[in-house]
Protein backbone atom coordinates (compact mmCIF):
# COMPACT_ATOMS: atom_id res chain seq x y z
CA MET A 1 0.00 0.00 0.00
CA ASN A 2 2.85 2.40 0.75
CA ASN A 3 3.87 2.31 -2.92
CA LEU A 4 0.55 3.66 -4.19
CA VAL A 5 1.80 7.25 -3.80
CA ARG A 6 5.37 8.08 -4.86
CA LEU A 7 5.93 11.81 -4.50
CA ASP A 8 9.60 11.27 -5.30
CA LEU A 9 8.43 10.56 -8.88
CA TYR A 10 6.64 13.90 -9.18
CA SER A 11 7.76 16.01 -12.15
CA GLN A 12 6.72 19.33 -13.68
CA SER A 13 8.93 18.89 -16.73
CA HIS A 14 5.90 19.15 -19.04
CA TYR A 15 4.69 22.41 -17.45
CA SER A 16 5.66 25.93 -18.51
CA ARG A 17 5.25 28.96 -16.25
CA GLY A 18 5.30 31.16 -19.34
CA ARG A 19 8.33 33.07 -18.02
CA ASN A 20 11.67 31.88 -16.69
CA GLY A 21 12.24 31.18 -13.03
CA ILE A 22 14.10 34.43 -12.39
CA VAL A 23 11.11 36.49 -13.57
CA ALA A 24 8.77 34.43 -11.36
CA LEU A 25 11.02 34.95 -8.32
CA LEU A 26 11.25 38.67 -9.04
CA TRP A 27 7.46 38.92 -9.24
CA TRP A 28 7.00 37.06 -5.95
CA PHE A 29 9.46 39.49 -4.32
CA ILE A 30 7.68 42.54 -5.76
CA GLN A 31 4.29 41.12 -4.77
CA GLY A 32 5.45 40.58 -1.19
CA THR A 33 6.90 44.10 -0.87
CA LEU A 34 6.00 46.96 -3.23
CA PHE A 35 2.59 45.47 -4.06
CA ARG A 36 1.60 44.08 -0.66
CA TRP A 37 2.64 47.11 1.39
CA SER A 38 1.17 49.78 -0.90
CA LEU A 39 -1.59 51.92 0.57
CA GLN A 40 -5.14 50.78 -0.11
CA PRO A 41 -6.08 53.66 -2.48
CA MET A 42 -3.02 53.00 -4.69
CA TYR A 43 -4.96 50.95 -7.24
CA GLY A 44 -3.15 52.51 -10.18
CA TRP A 45 0.23 51.58 -8.71
CA ARG A 46 -0.73 47.93 -8.24
CA ASN A 47 -2.29 47.78 -11.70
CA TRP A 48 0.95 49.18 -13.13
CA LEU A 49 3.02 46.54 -11.34
CA LEU A 50 0.78 43.78 -12.65
CA ARG A 51 0.97 45.15 -16.20
CA LEU A 52 4.75 45.39 -15.86
CA PHE A 53 4.76 41.62 -15.34
CA GLY A 54 2.45 40.92 -18.26
CA ALA A 55 -1.05 41.01 -16.77
CA ASP A 56 -3.84 42.43 -18.95
CA ILE A 57 -5.55 44.89 -16.59
CA GLY A 58 -8.41 47.09 -17.81
CA THR A 59 -9.16 50.67 -16.87
CA GLY A 60 -10.76 51.38 -13.50
CA VAL A 61 -9.78 48.01 -12.00
CA LYS A 62 -9.52 47.99 -8.19
CA ILE A 63 -7.27 45.35 -6.67
CA ARG A 64 -6.61 45.27 -2.92
CA PRO A 65 -2.96 45.06 -1.77
CA SER A 66 -3.42 41.69 -0.05
CA ALA A 67 -4.67 39.97 -3.24
CA ARG A 68 -2.20 37.44 -4.67
CA PHE A 69 -1.34 36.47 -8.24
CA THR A 70 0.86 33.43 -8.84
CA TYR A 71 1.79 34.33 -12.42
CA PRO A 72 0.32 37.72 -13.48
CA TRP A 73 1.19 37.15 -17.15
CA LYS A 74 -1.55 34.48 -17.17
CA VAL A 75 -4.25 36.85 -15.84
CA LYS A 76 -6.68 39.18 -17.60
CA VAL A 77 -9.02 41.49 -15.66
CA GLY A 78 -11.61 43.56 -17.54
CA GLU A 79 -12.42 47.20 -16.89
CA HIS A 80 -14.00 48.32 -13.61
CA SER A 81 -13.68 44.92 -11.94
CA TRP A 82 -12.76 44.50 -8.26
CA ILE A 83 -10.45 41.96 -6.61
CA GLY A 84 -10.91 41.88 -2.82
CA ASP A 85 -8.65 41.43 0.19
CA HIS A 86 -6.75 38.14 0.35
CA ALA A 87 -8.22 36.91 -2.94
CA GLU A 88 -5.95 34.27 -4.46
CA LEU A 89 -5.54 33.94 -8.21
CA TYR A 90 -3.62 30.68 -8.48
CA SER A 91 -2.82 31.21 -12.13
CA LEU A 92 -0.88 28.13 -13.19
CA ASP A 93 -3.21 28.33 -16.21
CA THR A 94 -5.03 31.38 -17.54
CA ILE A 95 -7.58 33.26 -15.45
CA THR A 96 -9.87 35.58 -17.41
CA ILE A 97 -12.10 37.98 -15.50
CA GLY A 98 -14.55 40.09 -17.47
CA LYS A 99 -15.78 43.66 -17.05
CA HIS A 100 -17.61 44.87 -13.93
CA CYS A 101 -16.89 41.63 -12.03
CA VAL A 102 -16.31 41.23 -8.30
CA VAL A 103 -14.06 38.62 -6.70
CA SER A 104 -14.65 39.25 -3.01
CA GLN A 105 -12.31 38.77 -0.05
CA ASN A 106 -10.70 35.36 0.39
CA GLY A 107 -11.96 34.11 -2.98
CA TYR A 108 -9.72 31.40 -4.44
CA LEU A 109 -9.54 30.87 -8.20
CA CYS A 110 -7.59 27.63 -8.58
CA THR A 111 -6.34 26.58 -12.01
CA GLY A 112 -4.07 23.76 -10.78
CA SER A 113 -4.61 20.39 -9.16
CA HIS A 114 -3.21 16.85 -9.28
CA LYS A 115 -4.23 13.40 -10.53
CA MET A 116 -5.14 11.72 -7.27
CA ASP A 117 -5.05 8.20 -8.78
CA ASP A 118 -1.57 8.72 -10.24
CA PRO A 119 1.24 7.50 -7.95
CA ALA A 120 3.41 10.39 -9.22
CA PHE A 121 0.66 12.92 -8.32
CA SER A 122 0.89 14.52 -11.78
CA LEU A 123 -0.01 18.19 -12.17
CA VAL A 124 -3.28 19.06 -13.92
CA ILE A 125 -4.05 22.61 -15.05
CA LYS A 126 -7.22 24.09 -16.55
CA PRO A 127 -8.22 27.74 -17.18
CA ILE A 128 -10.90 29.65 -15.28
CA ARG A 129 -13.21 32.20 -16.88
CA ILE A 130 -15.36 34.74 -15.02
CA GLU A 131 -17.68 36.50 -17.46
CA ASP A 132 -18.92 40.12 -17.42
CA GLY A 133 -20.89 41.27 -14.38
CA ALA A 134 -20.37 38.10 -12.33
CA TRP A 135 -19.91 38.21 -8.56
CA ILE A 136 -17.78 35.69 -6.69
CA ALA A 137 -18.69 36.35 -3.04
CA SER A 138 -16.37 35.99 -0.05
CA ASP A 139 -14.48 32.76 0.64
CA VAL A 140 -15.60 31.01 -2.57
CA PHE A 141 -13.39 28.27 -4.05
CA VAL A 142 -13.52 27.87 -7.85
CA TYR A 143 -12.17 24.62 -9.29
CA PRO A 144 -9.91 24.36 -12.36
CA GLY A 145 -11.72 24.55 -15.69
CA VAL A 146 -14.84 26.34 -14.42
CA THR A 147 -16.65 29.15 -16.24
CA ILE A 148 -18.89 31.53 -14.29
CA GLY A 149 -21.40 32.99 -16.74
CA THR A 150 -22.38 36.60 -17.39
CA MET A 151 -24.11 38.22 -14.37
CA ALA A 152 -23.95 34.98 -12.36
CA VAL A 153 -23.47 35.03 -8.57
CA VAL A 154 -21.74 32.50 -6.32
CA ALA A 155 -22.79 32.92 -2.68
CA ALA A 156 -20.28 33.20 0.16
CA ARG A 157 -18.31 30.12 1.22
CA SER A 158 -19.44 28.06 -1.74
CA THR A 159 -17.36 25.54 -3.69
CA VAL A 160 -17.79 25.65 -7.46
CA LEU A 161 -17.11 22.32 -9.19
CA HIS A 162 -18.95 22.95 -12.48
CA ASP A 163 -19.82 25.80 -14.84
CA ILE A 164 -22.51 28.24 -13.69
CA PRO A 165 -24.83 29.63 -16.40
CA GLY A 166 -25.31 33.35 -16.83
CA ASN A 167 -27.63 35.25 -14.45
CA GLU A 168 -27.96 32.31 -12.03
CA VAL A 169 -27.30 32.44 -8.28
CA HIS A 170 -25.61 29.33 -6.88
CA ALA A 171 -24.69 28.48 -3.29
CA GLY A 172 -23.32 25.63 -1.20
CA THR A 173 -20.68 22.92 -1.33
CA PRO A 174 -20.88 21.90 -4.05
CA ALA A 175 -22.62 25.03 -5.35
CA LYS A 176 -26.16 24.44 -6.61
CA TYR A 177 -28.78 26.59 -8.32
CA ILE A 178 -30.80 28.85 -5.99
CA LYS A 179 -32.57 31.38 -8.22
CA MET A 180 -32.17 33.83 -11.08
CA ARG A 181 -30.31 37.06 -10.27
CA PHE A 182 -32.24 39.47 -12.50
CA ASP A 183 -35.78 38.59 -13.59
CA ALA A 184 -35.37 40.71 -16.71
CA LEU A 185 -32.53 38.54 -18.01
CA GLY A 186 -32.52 35.02 -19.40
CA ALA A 187 -30.18 32.27 -18.21
CA SER A 188 -27.73 33.32 -20.91
CA GLY A 189 -27.42 36.79 -19.35
CA GLU A 190 -29.05 38.48 -22.35
CA GLY A 191 -29.67 42.13 -21.67
CA PHE A 192 -26.31 42.72 -20.00
CA SER A 193 -25.32 45.27 -22.62
CA LYS A 194 -28.43 47.35 -21.84
CA ILE A 195 -27.72 47.32 -18.09
CA HIS A 196 -24.06 48.14 -18.78
CA LEU A 197 -25.03 51.18 -20.85
CA LEU A 198 -27.34 52.42 -18.10
CA HIS A 199 -24.52 52.36 -15.58
CA LYS A 200 -21.77 53.94 -17.67
């Protein structure tokens, strides 16, 4: 039985960070100092640091200083979106966040896991996509490969294992359908563009 898991066989030789190790180490240093200890209102400064390391950050984005990005060059955040305190973007694969989205405090977007039935515990990565207007409430865990649809909501302390259609509210562990967010919209989130125009 002891031979069923062999972590000494683990290898990431097939995986690419997208930048060399020196750049990754430099980012982690910057994130732990200049980024982490910046004053809360210094959103432009943090956005500039993220862009410097390859992140695609839209205008008006507000990211708290305690938020963490594993590899910023694999992250895209659309305009006027918010990333809350202690949110974790574990970006081994790409994380795409749309416009006017909220990832609340302690949210965890996880793009990496492991094959649990593989003795070598092989790495598995899948992208995460958060579409326009979606809200990931506090302490939500989003699994690799998940898409959260336009205007969808995930309630606090939920665990998202599967895609959530647009305009739906889901809650629980695992997260399940509760209700529609806006009665005026369909499950596809149709009508978002009209709401967006009203709030510009």
